[in-house]
N, C-alpha and C. Protein backbone atom coordinates (compact mmCIF):
# COMPACT_ATOMS: atom_id res chain seq x y z
N MET A 1 34.05 29.96 76.97
CA MET A 1 34.41 31.22 76.35
C MET A 1 35.93 31.32 76.28
N THR A 2 36.43 31.70 75.15
CA THR A 2 37.86 31.87 74.96
C THR A 2 38.27 33.23 75.51
N GLU A 3 39.32 33.21 76.30
CA GLU A 3 39.80 34.46 76.87
C GLU A 3 40.65 35.20 75.84
N THR A 4 40.40 36.49 75.72
CA THR A 4 41.16 37.33 74.80
C THR A 4 41.89 38.39 75.60
N TYR A 5 42.64 39.19 74.90
CA TYR A 5 43.35 40.29 75.56
C TYR A 5 42.37 41.22 76.27
N TYR A 6 41.19 41.39 75.69
CA TYR A 6 40.20 42.31 76.25
C TYR A 6 39.51 41.76 77.48
N THR A 7 39.52 40.44 77.63
CA THR A 7 38.83 39.82 78.77
C THR A 7 39.79 39.22 79.79
N HIS A 8 41.07 39.25 79.49
CA HIS A 8 42.08 38.63 80.36
C HIS A 8 42.25 39.42 81.65
N GLY A 9 42.33 38.70 82.76
CA GLY A 9 42.63 39.32 84.06
C GLY A 9 41.40 39.60 84.89
N SER A 10 41.67 40.04 86.09
CA SER A 10 40.60 40.37 87.03
C SER A 10 39.93 41.68 86.59
N PRO A 11 38.76 41.97 87.13
CA PRO A 11 38.14 43.26 86.82
C PRO A 11 39.06 44.45 87.12
N ALA A 12 39.79 44.38 88.22
CA ALA A 12 40.70 45.49 88.56
C ALA A 12 41.82 45.62 87.53
N GLU A 13 42.34 44.49 87.08
CA GLU A 13 43.41 44.53 86.06
C GLU A 13 42.87 45.09 84.73
N ARG A 14 41.66 44.68 84.36
CA ARG A 14 41.07 45.19 83.12
C ARG A 14 40.76 46.68 83.23
N TRP A 15 40.31 47.11 84.41
CA TRP A 15 40.04 48.53 84.65
C TRP A 15 41.34 49.33 84.47
N ASP A 16 42.42 48.85 85.06
CA ASP A 16 43.72 49.52 84.93
C ASP A 16 44.17 49.55 83.47
N ARG A 17 44.03 48.41 82.77
CA ARG A 17 44.45 48.32 81.38
C ARG A 17 43.63 49.28 80.51
N ALA A 18 42.33 49.33 80.74
CA ALA A 18 41.47 50.24 79.98
C ALA A 18 41.89 51.69 80.22
N GLY A 19 42.23 52.01 81.46
CA GLY A 19 42.69 53.37 81.79
C GLY A 19 43.98 53.72 81.07
N LEU A 20 44.87 52.76 80.96
CA LEU A 20 46.13 53.00 80.24
C LEU A 20 45.87 53.30 78.76
N PHE A 21 44.99 52.51 78.14
CA PHE A 21 44.67 52.76 76.74
C PHE A 21 43.94 54.09 76.57
N PHE A 22 43.04 54.40 77.49
CA PHE A 22 42.32 55.67 77.42
C PHE A 22 43.32 56.83 77.53
N ASP A 23 44.22 56.76 78.50
CA ASP A 23 45.22 57.81 78.68
C ASP A 23 46.14 57.96 77.48
N ALA A 24 46.35 56.84 76.77
CA ALA A 24 47.18 56.86 75.56
C ALA A 24 46.38 57.29 74.33
N LYS A 25 45.12 57.63 74.55
CA LYS A 25 44.21 58.07 73.49
C LYS A 25 43.88 56.98 72.48
N ASP A 26 43.99 55.73 72.92
CA ASP A 26 43.54 54.61 72.11
C ASP A 26 42.14 54.25 72.63
N TYR A 27 41.20 55.09 72.25
CA TYR A 27 39.85 54.99 72.79
C TYR A 27 39.11 53.74 72.34
N THR A 28 39.39 53.27 71.15
CA THR A 28 38.72 52.08 70.64
C THR A 28 39.11 50.85 71.46
N THR A 29 40.39 50.69 71.74
CA THR A 29 40.84 49.55 72.55
C THR A 29 40.32 49.68 73.98
N ALA A 30 40.36 50.88 74.52
CA ALA A 30 39.81 51.09 75.87
C ALA A 30 38.35 50.67 75.91
N ALA A 31 37.58 51.06 74.88
CA ALA A 31 36.16 50.70 74.83
C ALA A 31 35.98 49.19 74.75
N GLN A 32 36.80 48.51 73.98
CA GLN A 32 36.67 47.06 73.86
C GLN A 32 36.89 46.37 75.21
N ILE A 33 37.82 46.86 75.97
CA ILE A 33 38.07 46.29 77.31
C ILE A 33 36.91 46.63 78.23
N LEU A 34 36.47 47.87 78.18
CA LEU A 34 35.42 48.33 79.10
C LEU A 34 34.06 47.71 78.80
N GLU A 35 33.78 47.37 77.56
CA GLU A 35 32.49 46.76 77.23
C GLU A 35 32.27 45.49 78.04
N GLY A 36 33.28 44.64 78.12
CA GLY A 36 33.16 43.42 78.90
C GLY A 36 33.05 43.70 80.39
N LEU A 37 33.81 44.67 80.85
CA LEU A 37 33.78 45.03 82.26
C LEU A 37 32.41 45.57 82.66
N VAL A 38 31.83 46.42 81.82
CA VAL A 38 30.50 46.97 82.10
C VAL A 38 29.45 45.85 82.10
N ALA A 39 29.58 44.92 81.18
CA ALA A 39 28.63 43.79 81.15
C ALA A 39 28.74 42.96 82.43
N GLU A 40 29.95 42.86 82.96
CA GLU A 40 30.18 42.06 84.16
C GLU A 40 29.70 42.76 85.43
N VAL A 41 29.87 44.07 85.49
CA VAL A 41 29.47 44.84 86.68
C VAL A 41 28.61 46.04 86.26
N PRO A 42 27.41 45.77 85.74
CA PRO A 42 26.58 46.86 85.19
C PRO A 42 26.13 47.89 86.22
N GLU A 43 26.17 47.52 87.49
CA GLU A 43 25.73 48.44 88.53
C GLU A 43 26.77 49.51 88.86
N GLN A 44 28.00 49.31 88.45
CA GLN A 44 29.06 50.28 88.76
C GLN A 44 29.07 51.41 87.73
N VAL A 45 29.11 52.62 88.23
CA VAL A 45 29.03 53.81 87.38
C VAL A 45 30.37 54.13 86.72
N ALA A 46 31.47 54.00 87.43
CA ALA A 46 32.77 54.44 86.90
C ALA A 46 33.17 53.76 85.60
N PRO A 47 33.08 52.43 85.48
CA PRO A 47 33.45 51.81 84.20
C PRO A 47 32.53 52.25 83.06
N ARG A 48 31.26 52.42 83.35
CA ARG A 48 30.30 52.84 82.33
C ARG A 48 30.58 54.27 81.89
N LEU A 49 30.96 55.13 82.83
CA LEU A 49 31.27 56.52 82.49
C LEU A 49 32.54 56.58 81.64
N LEU A 50 33.55 55.79 81.98
CA LEU A 50 34.77 55.77 81.17
C LEU A 50 34.48 55.19 79.78
N LEU A 51 33.61 54.20 79.72
CA LEU A 51 33.20 53.65 78.42
C LEU A 51 32.51 54.73 77.58
N ALA A 52 31.64 55.49 78.20
CA ALA A 52 30.96 56.58 77.48
C ALA A 52 31.98 57.59 76.96
N ARG A 53 32.97 57.91 77.78
CA ARG A 53 34.01 58.85 77.36
C ARG A 53 34.82 58.28 76.19
N ALA A 54 35.13 56.99 76.24
CA ALA A 54 35.87 56.36 75.14
C ALA A 54 35.05 56.40 73.86
N TYR A 55 33.76 56.13 73.96
CA TYR A 55 32.88 56.22 72.80
C TYR A 55 32.84 57.65 72.26
N TYR A 56 32.70 58.60 73.15
CA TYR A 56 32.64 60.02 72.76
C TYR A 56 33.90 60.41 71.98
N HIS A 57 35.04 60.08 72.52
CA HIS A 57 36.31 60.47 71.90
C HIS A 57 36.60 59.71 70.60
N SER A 58 35.95 58.56 70.42
CA SER A 58 36.13 57.82 69.17
C SER A 58 34.95 58.05 68.23
N ALA A 59 34.16 59.09 68.50
CA ALA A 59 33.05 59.53 67.66
C ALA A 59 31.95 58.49 67.50
N GLN A 60 31.81 57.63 68.49
CA GLN A 60 30.69 56.68 68.52
C GLN A 60 29.61 57.30 69.40
N LEU A 61 29.03 58.39 68.89
CA LEU A 61 28.19 59.25 69.72
C LEU A 61 26.90 58.59 70.18
N TRP A 62 26.28 57.77 69.35
CA TRP A 62 25.04 57.14 69.80
C TRP A 62 25.33 56.15 70.93
N ARG A 63 26.48 55.49 70.87
CA ARG A 63 26.87 54.59 71.96
C ARG A 63 27.18 55.38 73.22
N ALA A 64 27.87 56.50 73.07
CA ALA A 64 28.15 57.37 74.22
C ALA A 64 26.85 57.82 74.87
N GLU A 65 25.92 58.25 74.05
CA GLU A 65 24.62 58.69 74.57
C GLU A 65 23.93 57.58 75.36
N THR A 66 23.93 56.38 74.82
CA THR A 66 23.29 55.24 75.50
C THR A 66 23.92 54.99 76.87
N GLU A 67 25.25 54.98 76.92
CA GLU A 67 25.94 54.74 78.19
C GLU A 67 25.72 55.87 79.18
N LEU A 68 25.73 57.11 78.68
CA LEU A 68 25.51 58.25 79.58
C LEU A 68 24.11 58.24 80.17
N ARG A 69 23.14 57.88 79.36
CA ARG A 69 21.77 57.77 79.89
C ARG A 69 21.68 56.66 80.94
N ALA A 70 22.40 55.57 80.73
CA ALA A 70 22.42 54.49 81.72
C ALA A 70 23.09 54.95 83.01
N VAL A 71 24.16 55.73 82.91
CA VAL A 71 24.81 56.29 84.10
C VAL A 71 23.83 57.16 84.86
N LEU A 72 23.13 58.03 84.14
CA LEU A 72 22.20 58.96 84.80
C LEU A 72 20.98 58.26 85.38
N GLU A 73 20.60 57.11 84.83
CA GLU A 73 19.54 56.31 85.46
C GLU A 73 19.98 55.83 86.83
N ARG A 74 21.24 55.43 86.94
CA ARG A 74 21.78 54.90 88.20
C ARG A 74 22.16 56.02 89.16
N ASP A 75 22.62 57.14 88.62
CA ASP A 75 23.12 58.24 89.46
C ASP A 75 22.72 59.58 88.82
N PRO A 76 21.48 60.02 89.05
CA PRO A 76 20.97 61.23 88.40
C PRO A 76 21.74 62.52 88.73
N VAL A 77 22.54 62.51 89.78
CA VAL A 77 23.28 63.71 90.15
C VAL A 77 24.75 63.63 89.74
N GLU A 78 25.08 62.73 88.83
CA GLU A 78 26.43 62.63 88.30
C GLU A 78 26.62 63.77 87.30
N SER A 79 27.20 64.87 87.77
CA SER A 79 27.27 66.09 86.97
C SER A 79 28.13 65.94 85.72
N TYR A 80 29.20 65.16 85.80
CA TYR A 80 30.04 65.00 84.62
C TYR A 80 29.30 64.23 83.53
N ALA A 81 28.52 63.22 83.90
CA ALA A 81 27.71 62.48 82.93
C ALA A 81 26.68 63.41 82.31
N ARG A 82 26.12 64.29 83.11
CA ARG A 82 25.14 65.26 82.62
C ARG A 82 25.80 66.19 81.59
N LEU A 83 26.98 66.69 81.92
CA LEU A 83 27.72 67.56 80.99
C LEU A 83 28.05 66.80 79.71
N MET A 84 28.57 65.59 79.84
CA MET A 84 28.93 64.80 78.66
C MET A 84 27.73 64.49 77.79
N LEU A 85 26.60 64.21 78.40
CA LEU A 85 25.40 63.94 77.61
C LEU A 85 25.02 65.18 76.82
N GLY A 86 25.08 66.34 77.46
CA GLY A 86 24.81 67.59 76.74
C GLY A 86 25.76 67.79 75.58
N ARG A 87 27.05 67.58 75.80
CA ARG A 87 28.05 67.74 74.74
C ARG A 87 27.86 66.71 73.62
N THR A 88 27.50 65.49 74.01
CA THR A 88 27.26 64.44 73.02
C THR A 88 26.07 64.80 72.13
N LEU A 89 25.01 65.28 72.76
CA LEU A 89 23.84 65.69 71.98
C LEU A 89 24.17 66.87 71.07
N GLN A 90 24.97 67.80 71.56
CA GLN A 90 25.41 68.92 70.72
C GLN A 90 26.15 68.42 69.49
N ARG A 91 27.09 67.49 69.70
CA ARG A 91 27.89 66.96 68.58
C ARG A 91 27.02 66.21 67.57
N GLN A 92 25.88 65.74 68.01
CA GLN A 92 24.96 65.05 67.11
C GLN A 92 24.00 66.04 66.43
N GLY A 93 24.18 67.33 66.68
CA GLY A 93 23.32 68.33 66.07
C GLY A 93 21.95 68.43 66.72
N ARG A 94 21.89 68.17 68.03
CA ARG A 94 20.63 68.18 68.78
C ARG A 94 20.72 69.19 69.93
N PRO A 95 20.92 70.48 69.61
CA PRO A 95 21.14 71.48 70.67
C PRO A 95 19.94 71.67 71.60
N ALA A 96 18.74 71.53 71.11
CA ALA A 96 17.57 71.71 71.98
C ALA A 96 17.52 70.61 73.05
N GLU A 97 17.89 69.39 72.69
CA GLU A 97 17.93 68.30 73.67
C GLU A 97 19.11 68.45 74.61
N ALA A 98 20.19 69.06 74.12
CA ALA A 98 21.40 69.23 74.94
C ALA A 98 21.23 70.28 76.02
N ALA A 99 20.50 71.33 75.71
CA ALA A 99 20.41 72.50 76.60
C ALA A 99 20.01 72.17 78.04
N PRO A 100 18.96 71.38 78.29
CA PRO A 100 18.61 71.11 79.70
C PRO A 100 19.71 70.37 80.46
N HIS A 101 20.41 69.49 79.78
CA HIS A 101 21.49 68.74 80.44
C HIS A 101 22.66 69.68 80.78
N LEU A 102 22.96 70.58 79.87
CA LEU A 102 24.04 71.53 80.13
C LEU A 102 23.67 72.50 81.25
N ARG A 103 22.41 72.92 81.28
CA ARG A 103 21.96 73.81 82.37
C ARG A 103 22.04 73.10 83.71
N LEU A 104 21.60 71.84 83.75
CA LEU A 104 21.68 71.08 85.00
C LEU A 104 23.13 70.90 85.44
N ALA A 105 24.01 70.59 84.51
CA ALA A 105 25.43 70.43 84.85
C ALA A 105 25.98 71.73 85.41
N ALA A 106 25.59 72.86 84.83
CA ALA A 106 26.06 74.16 85.30
C ALA A 106 25.58 74.42 86.73
N VAL A 107 24.33 74.10 87.00
CA VAL A 107 23.77 74.29 88.35
C VAL A 107 24.46 73.36 89.34
N MET A 108 24.65 72.12 88.95
CA MET A 108 25.25 71.12 89.85
C MET A 108 26.69 71.48 90.22
N THR A 109 27.42 72.05 89.27
CA THR A 109 28.83 72.36 89.52
C THR A 109 29.06 73.80 89.91
N GLY A 110 28.03 74.64 89.74
CA GLY A 110 28.20 76.06 90.03
C GLY A 110 29.00 76.79 88.98
N ASP A 111 29.10 76.21 87.79
CA ASP A 111 29.89 76.80 86.70
C ASP A 111 28.96 77.34 85.63
N PRO A 112 28.71 78.66 85.61
CA PRO A 112 27.80 79.24 84.62
C PRO A 112 28.33 79.13 83.19
N GLU A 113 29.61 78.84 83.01
CA GLU A 113 30.21 78.73 81.68
C GLU A 113 29.73 77.49 80.94
N LEU A 114 29.19 76.51 81.67
CA LEU A 114 28.78 75.26 81.03
C LEU A 114 27.52 75.43 80.20
N ASP A 115 26.68 76.37 80.55
CA ASP A 115 25.41 76.51 79.87
C ASP A 115 25.57 77.16 78.51
């Protein structure tokens, strides 16, 4: 396999690089780096959650939904993933599917404004 900018470095270096691109609002590049990282360490929630956020912010909503559902399979009490899934479903015009996720996020965080 040929190493590219997106695959170069250790997982920690790629995680840091993806965070820099995410913080710079270059969500597409962040996602490209994170895709390989998630494939390498699929059991870790943090890279997958950041990948979902990068997809969400770059309007790749079906991809965001897929990653968020994978996060919630691994960690059903991840309240931020629950909130993001609700918001992602809302942006896709699926408010009825979004509502239970938003209610759960509100209960988990104690924030009634989320519902």
